[in-house]
Amino acid sequence: MSEIDENIIFKKDSNEELDIAQKFVGLKLRQEGILTVNFRSPKEEMDEIKKFFDGLKASEHLIYNIGNTGDVSCYFKGVAPLLEQTDDTGFNYFFLSVTLQELNEISDDVVTSHFGCNL
């Protein structure tokens, strides 16, 4: 039996959690720690996903954990409009894309641009 769980958990600082099956989630890592999380699911799961991400502010802290492999800290960057689609078999599903940025060590450029000083 595998030690990796079948779910991904997203957690807010308020301890509110979204626990969703990996089969509904696609991850794309981009440059500079930007992570696009694509949710493709039936309406019931999408209602829960939307509820979790609605109201989050840009740069709000989140943690995600893929298959119980360890917490990853990140910032919420934004959410794209919800799309309703139908696949080739006629199955109706919903698609939502959320952008996160993984927390990395602060670089000198970030310190200079945000705080106006060099370390």
N, C-alpha and C. Protein backbone atom coordinates (compact mmCIF):
# COMPACT_ATOMS: atom_id res chain seq x y z
N MET A 1 0.84 -1.19 0.00
CA MET A 1 0.00 0.00 0.00
C MET A 1 0.88 1.25 0.00
N SER A 2 0.53 2.20 -0.81
CA SER A 2 1.30 3.43 -0.95
C SER A 2 1.14 4.33 0.27
N GLU A 3 2.22 5.04 0.60
CA GLU A 3 2.18 5.96 1.73
C GLU A 3 1.68 7.33 1.31
N ILE A 4 1.59 7.58 0.00
CA ILE A 4 1.13 8.88 -0.49
C ILE A 4 -0.39 8.85 -0.60
N ASP A 5 -1.03 9.82 0.05
CA ASP A 5 -2.49 9.91 0.02
C ASP A 5 -2.98 10.31 -1.37
N GLU A 6 -4.25 10.11 -1.61
CA GLU A 6 -4.86 10.43 -2.90
C GLU A 6 -5.37 11.86 -2.97
N ASN A 7 -5.20 12.64 -1.89
CA ASN A 7 -5.77 13.98 -1.84
C ASN A 7 -4.72 15.06 -1.73
N ILE A 8 -5.14 16.27 -2.08
CA ILE A 8 -4.35 17.48 -1.86
C ILE A 8 -5.13 18.33 -0.87
N ILE A 9 -4.43 18.86 0.11
CA ILE A 9 -5.07 19.71 1.12
C ILE A 9 -4.51 21.12 1.01
N PHE A 10 -5.41 22.08 0.94
CA PHE A 10 -5.07 23.50 0.98
C PHE A 10 -5.55 24.02 2.32
N LYS A 11 -4.74 24.85 2.98
CA LYS A 11 -5.09 25.31 4.32
C LYS A 11 -4.81 26.81 4.45
N LYS A 12 -5.79 27.53 4.99
CA LYS A 12 -5.65 28.96 5.27
C LYS A 12 -5.09 29.14 6.68
N ASP A 13 -4.61 30.35 6.98
CA ASP A 13 -4.13 30.66 8.33
C ASP A 13 -5.23 30.48 9.37
N SER A 14 -6.50 30.62 8.95
CA SER A 14 -7.64 30.44 9.86
C SER A 14 -7.91 28.96 10.17
N ASN A 15 -7.07 28.08 9.59
CA ASN A 15 -7.20 26.61 9.71
C ASN A 15 -8.33 26.04 8.86
N GLU A 16 -9.02 26.86 8.07
CA GLU A 16 -10.01 26.33 7.13
C GLU A 16 -9.27 25.52 6.08
N GLU A 17 -9.80 24.34 5.75
CA GLU A 17 -9.13 23.44 4.82
C GLU A 17 -10.01 23.07 3.63
N LEU A 18 -9.35 22.85 2.51
CA LEU A 18 -9.97 22.26 1.33
C LEU A 18 -9.23 20.96 1.08
N ASP A 19 -9.93 19.85 1.19
CA ASP A 19 -9.35 18.52 1.00
C ASP A 19 -9.98 17.95 -0.26
N ILE A 20 -9.19 17.82 -1.34
CA ILE A 20 -9.75 17.43 -2.63
C ILE A 20 -8.93 16.31 -3.27
N ALA A 21 -9.61 15.42 -3.96
CA ALA A 21 -8.94 14.31 -4.64
C ALA A 21 -8.00 14.82 -5.72
N GLN A 22 -6.81 14.22 -5.79
CA GLN A 22 -5.81 14.63 -6.79
C GLN A 22 -6.33 14.50 -8.21
N LYS A 23 -7.27 13.59 -8.44
CA LYS A 23 -7.78 13.40 -9.81
C LYS A 23 -8.48 14.66 -10.35
N PHE A 24 -8.87 15.58 -9.46
CA PHE A 24 -9.53 16.82 -9.87
C PHE A 24 -8.54 17.99 -10.01
N VAL A 25 -7.24 17.74 -9.77
CA VAL A 25 -6.27 18.83 -9.68
C VAL A 25 -5.11 18.60 -10.64
N GLY A 26 -4.75 19.67 -11.36
CA GLY A 26 -3.54 19.67 -12.18
C GLY A 26 -2.64 20.80 -11.73
N LEU A 27 -1.34 20.53 -11.64
CA LEU A 27 -0.39 21.53 -11.16
C LEU A 27 0.61 21.85 -12.26
N LYS A 28 0.89 23.14 -12.43
CA LYS A 28 1.91 23.57 -13.39
C LYS A 28 2.83 24.56 -12.69
N LEU A 29 4.09 24.18 -12.54
CA LEU A 29 5.07 25.06 -11.92
C LEU A 29 5.69 25.93 -13.00
N ARG A 30 5.69 27.23 -12.77
CA ARG A 30 6.24 28.17 -13.73
C ARG A 30 7.47 28.84 -13.13
N GLN A 31 8.02 29.80 -13.85
CA GLN A 31 9.21 30.50 -13.37
C GLN A 31 8.96 31.24 -12.07
N GLU A 32 10.01 31.39 -11.30
CA GLU A 32 10.02 32.17 -10.06
C GLU A 32 9.00 31.68 -9.03
N GLY A 33 8.79 30.37 -8.98
CA GLY A 33 7.94 29.79 -7.95
C GLY A 33 6.45 29.98 -8.15
N ILE A 34 6.03 30.41 -9.35
CA ILE A 34 4.61 30.57 -9.62
C ILE A 34 4.02 29.19 -9.91
N LEU A 35 2.94 28.87 -9.23
CA LEU A 35 2.27 27.59 -9.38
C LEU A 35 0.83 27.83 -9.82
N THR A 36 0.47 27.25 -10.96
CA THR A 36 -0.91 27.31 -11.42
C THR A 36 -1.59 26.01 -11.02
N VAL A 37 -2.69 26.13 -10.28
CA VAL A 37 -3.45 24.98 -9.83
C VAL A 37 -4.75 24.97 -10.62
N ASN A 38 -4.91 23.96 -11.46
CA ASN A 38 -6.11 23.84 -12.30
C ASN A 38 -7.04 22.79 -11.72
N PHE A 39 -8.24 23.23 -11.40
CA PHE A 39 -9.25 22.32 -10.87
C PHE A 39 -10.23 22.00 -11.99
N ARG A 40 -10.48 20.71 -12.20
CA ARG A 40 -11.45 20.24 -13.20
C ARG A 40 -12.31 19.21 -12.50
N SER A 41 -13.58 19.59 -12.25
CA SER A 41 -14.41 18.71 -11.42
C SER A 41 -15.90 18.90 -11.71
N PRO A 42 -16.71 17.97 -11.22
CA PRO A 42 -18.17 18.14 -11.27
C PRO A 42 -18.58 19.31 -10.37
N LYS A 43 -19.82 19.74 -10.50
CA LYS A 43 -20.32 20.91 -9.80
C LYS A 43 -20.17 20.82 -8.28
N GLU A 44 -20.47 19.68 -7.68
CA GLU A 44 -20.44 19.56 -6.22
C GLU A 44 -19.05 19.89 -5.67
N GLU A 45 -18.01 19.32 -6.28
CA GLU A 45 -16.65 19.60 -5.82
C GLU A 45 -16.26 21.04 -6.13
N MET A 46 -16.69 21.55 -7.28
CA MET A 46 -16.33 22.92 -7.66
C MET A 46 -16.96 23.94 -6.72
N ASP A 47 -18.16 23.67 -6.24
CA ASP A 47 -18.79 24.58 -5.27
C ASP A 47 -17.91 24.71 -4.02
N GLU A 48 -17.35 23.59 -3.57
CA GLU A 48 -16.48 23.59 -2.39
C GLU A 48 -15.16 24.33 -2.68
N ILE A 49 -14.61 24.11 -3.86
CA ILE A 49 -13.37 24.77 -4.27
C ILE A 49 -13.56 26.29 -4.33
N LYS A 50 -14.62 26.72 -5.01
CA LYS A 50 -14.91 28.15 -5.14
C LYS A 50 -15.10 28.79 -3.78
N LYS A 51 -15.83 28.13 -2.91
CA LYS A 51 -16.09 28.66 -1.57
C LYS A 51 -14.78 28.88 -0.82
N PHE A 52 -13.85 27.95 -0.95
CA PHE A 52 -12.57 28.06 -0.25
C PHE A 52 -11.75 29.25 -0.76
N PHE A 53 -11.67 29.44 -2.06
CA PHE A 53 -10.81 30.48 -2.62
C PHE A 53 -11.48 31.85 -2.73
N ASP A 54 -12.82 31.90 -2.71
CA ASP A 54 -13.52 33.19 -2.75
C ASP A 54 -13.15 34.02 -1.52
N GLY A 55 -12.89 35.28 -1.73
CA GLY A 55 -12.60 36.17 -0.62
C GLY A 55 -11.15 36.24 -0.21
N LEU A 56 -10.31 35.35 -0.77
CA LEU A 56 -8.88 35.44 -0.46
C LEU A 56 -8.31 36.70 -1.10
N LYS A 57 -7.42 37.33 -0.40
CA LYS A 57 -6.78 38.54 -0.91
C LYS A 57 -5.41 38.19 -1.49
N ALA A 58 -4.97 38.99 -2.48
CA ALA A 58 -3.65 38.78 -3.07
C ALA A 58 -2.61 38.81 -1.96
N SER A 59 -1.68 37.92 -2.02
CA SER A 59 -0.58 37.76 -1.07
C SER A 59 -1.00 37.15 0.27
N GLU A 60 -2.24 36.66 0.36
CA GLU A 60 -2.65 35.95 1.57
C GLU A 60 -1.92 34.61 1.64
N HIS A 61 -1.49 34.24 2.83
CA HIS A 61 -0.71 33.03 3.04
C HIS A 61 -1.59 31.78 2.99
N LEU A 62 -1.10 30.75 2.30
CA LEU A 62 -1.75 29.43 2.23
C LEU A 62 -0.68 28.36 2.39
N ILE A 63 -1.13 27.18 2.74
CA ILE A 63 -0.27 26.00 2.75
C ILE A 63 -0.97 24.94 1.91
N TYR A 64 -0.19 24.22 1.12
CA TYR A 64 -0.77 23.05 0.44
C TYR A 64 0.09 21.84 0.74
N ASN A 65 -0.55 20.68 0.69
CA ASN A 65 0.12 19.43 0.99
C ASN A 65 -0.40 18.39 -0.01
N ILE A 66 0.50 17.92 -0.86
CA ILE A 66 0.13 16.96 -1.90
C ILE A 66 0.36 15.55 -1.37
N GLY A 67 -0.71 14.81 -1.21
CA GLY A 67 -0.61 13.40 -0.82
C GLY A 67 0.06 13.15 0.51
N ASN A 68 -0.01 14.11 1.41
CA ASN A 68 0.59 13.99 2.74
C ASN A 68 2.11 13.86 2.66
N THR A 69 2.72 14.60 1.69
CA THR A 69 4.18 14.56 1.52
C THR A 69 4.88 15.72 2.20
N GLY A 70 4.11 16.62 2.81
CA GLY A 70 4.70 17.75 3.53
C GLY A 70 4.07 19.07 3.12
N ASP A 71 4.00 19.99 4.07
CA ASP A 71 3.40 21.30 3.82
C ASP A 71 4.33 22.18 2.99
N VAL A 72 3.72 22.91 2.05
CA VAL A 72 4.44 23.89 1.24
C VAL A 72 3.75 25.22 1.44
N SER A 73 4.50 26.22 1.88
CA SER A 73 3.94 27.55 2.10
C SER A 73 3.93 28.34 0.80
N CYS A 74 2.87 29.13 0.61
CA CYS A 74 2.76 29.93 -0.60
C CYS A 74 1.86 31.14 -0.34
N TYR A 75 1.84 32.02 -1.33
CA TYR A 75 0.93 33.17 -1.31
C TYR A 75 -0.12 32.97 -2.39
N PHE A 76 -1.32 33.39 -2.10
CA PHE A 76 -2.40 33.41 -3.09
C PHE A 76 -2.17 34.60 -4.02
N LYS A 77 -2.22 34.36 -5.33
CA LYS A 77 -2.01 35.44 -6.29
C LYS A 77 -3.31 35.83 -7.01
N GLY A 78 -4.20 34.88 -7.22
CA GLY A 78 -5.44 35.21 -7.91
C GLY A 78 -6.16 33.98 -8.42
N VAL A 79 -7.37 34.22 -8.92
CA VAL A 79 -8.20 33.14 -9.45
C VAL A 79 -8.83 33.61 -10.76
N ALA A 80 -8.84 32.74 -11.74
CA ALA A 80 -9.43 33.04 -13.05
C ALA A 80 -10.94 32.80 -12.98
N PRO A 81 -11.68 33.34 -13.93
CA PRO A 81 -13.14 33.09 -13.96
C PRO A 81 -13.45 31.60 -14.11
N LEU A 82 -14.52 31.18 -13.48
CA LEU A 82 -15.00 29.80 -13.55
C LEU A 82 -15.55 29.52 -14.94
N LEU A 83 -15.15 28.38 -15.51
CA LEU A 83 -15.64 27.97 -16.83
C LEU A 83 -16.44 26.69 -16.70
N GLU A 84 -17.54 26.63 -17.43
CA GLU A 84 -18.32 25.39 -17.52
C GLU A 84 -18.07 24.80 -18.88
N GLN A 85 -17.70 23.51 -18.92
CA GLN A 85 -17.33 22.88 -20.19
C GLN A 85 -17.93 21.49 -20.28
N THR A 86 -17.89 20.93 -21.49
CA THR A 86 -18.36 19.57 -21.73
C THR A 86 -17.26 18.84 -22.48
N ASP A 87 -16.93 17.63 -22.01
CA ASP A 87 -15.87 16.87 -22.69
C ASP A 87 -16.45 16.10 -23.89
N ASP A 88 -15.59 15.33 -24.57
CA ASP A 88 -15.97 14.62 -25.79
C ASP A 88 -17.07 13.58 -25.57
N THR A 89 -17.21 13.11 -24.34
CA THR A 89 -18.23 12.10 -24.05
C THR A 89 -19.56 12.72 -23.62
N GLY A 90 -19.58 14.07 -23.53
CA GLY A 90 -20.80 14.74 -23.11
C GLY A 90 -20.87 15.01 -21.61
N PHE A 91 -19.79 14.69 -20.88
CA PHE A 91 -19.75 14.91 -19.44
C PHE A 91 -19.56 16.40 -19.16
N ASN A 92 -20.44 16.97 -18.35
CA ASN A 92 -20.39 18.38 -17.99
C ASN A 92 -19.49 18.54 -16.77
N TYR A 93 -18.51 19.47 -16.86
CA TYR A 93 -17.61 19.71 -15.75
C TYR A 93 -17.28 21.20 -15.65
N PHE A 94 -16.65 21.56 -14.56
CA PHE A 94 -16.27 22.95 -14.31
C PHE A 94 -14.76 23.05 -14.20
N PHE A 95 -14.22 24.18 -14.64
CA PHE A 95 -12.77 24.39 -14.65
C PHE A 95 -12.45 25.72 -13.97
N LEU A 96 -11.51 25.68 -13.04
CA LEU A 96 -11.10 26.88 -12.33
C LEU A 96 -9.58 26.85 -12.17
N SER A 97 -8.94 27.97 -12.46
CA SER A 97 -7.49 28.07 -12.35
C SER A 97 -7.14 29.06 -11.24
N VAL A 98 -6.28 28.63 -10.31
CA VAL A 98 -5.84 29.44 -9.19
C VAL A 98 -4.32 29.59 -9.30
N THR A 99 -3.83 30.80 -9.07
CA THR A 99 -2.39 31.04 -9.13
C THR A 99 -1.85 31.28 -7.73
N LEU A 100 -0.77 30.57 -7.41
CA LEU A 100 -0.09 30.68 -6.13
C LEU A 100 1.38 30.99 -6.38
N GLN A 101 2.04 31.54 -5.40
CA GLN A 101 3.48 31.72 -5.49
C GLN A 101 4.12 31.10 -4.26
N GLU A 102 5.02 30.16 -4.50
CA GLU A 102 5.70 29.50 -3.40
C GLU A 102 6.60 30.49 -2.68
N LEU A 103 6.68 30.34 -1.37
CA LEU A 103 7.56 31.20 -0.58
C LEU A 103 8.99 30.72 -0.73
N ASN A 104 9.86 31.65 -1.06
CA ASN A 104 11.28 31.36 -1.18
C ASN A 104 12.01 32.30 -0.25
N GLU A 105 13.30 32.05 -0.09
CA GLU A 105 14.09 32.99 0.70
C GLU A 105 14.06 34.34 0.01
N ILE A 106 14.03 35.40 0.80
CA ILE A 106 13.95 36.75 0.26
C ILE A 106 15.27 37.10 -0.41
N SER A 107 15.17 37.56 -1.66
CA SER A 107 16.38 37.97 -2.37
C SER A 107 16.68 39.44 -2.11
N ASP A 108 17.90 39.86 -2.41
CA ASP A 108 18.28 41.26 -2.24
C ASP A 108 17.41 42.18 -3.09
N ASP A 109 17.02 41.72 -4.29
CA ASP A 109 16.18 42.54 -5.18
C ASP A 109 14.83 42.83 -4.53
N VAL A 110 14.25 41.82 -3.87
CA VAL A 110 12.96 42.00 -3.22
C VAL A 110 13.09 42.98 -2.06
N VAL A 111 14.14 42.83 -1.27
CA VAL A 111 14.36 43.72 -0.14
C VAL A 111 14.52 45.16 -0.63
N THR A 112 15.32 45.35 -1.67
CA THR A 112 15.55 46.69 -2.21
C THR A 112 14.26 47.30 -2.74
N SER A 113 13.48 46.52 -3.50
CA SER A 113 12.26 47.07 -4.11
C SER A 113 11.16 47.32 -3.08
N HIS A 114 11.09 46.51 -2.04
CA HIS A 114 10.01 46.67 -1.05
C HIS A 114 10.38 47.54 0.15
N PHE A 115 11.65 47.53 0.48
CA PHE A 115 12.05 48.23 1.69
C PHE A 115 13.01 49.37 1.43
N GLY A 116 13.47 49.52 0.16
CA GLY A 116 14.32 50.64 -0.21
C GLY A 116 15.71 50.58 0.39
N CYS A 117 16.19 49.38 0.70
CA CYS A 117 17.54 49.28 1.25
C CYS A 117 18.19 48.00 0.78
N ASN A 118 19.46 47.91 0.94
CA ASN A 118 20.20 46.70 0.63
C ASN A 118 20.63 46.02 1.92
N LEU A 119 20.71 44.71 1.89
CA LEU A 119 21.21 43.98 3.06
C LEU A 119 22.68 43.76 2.95
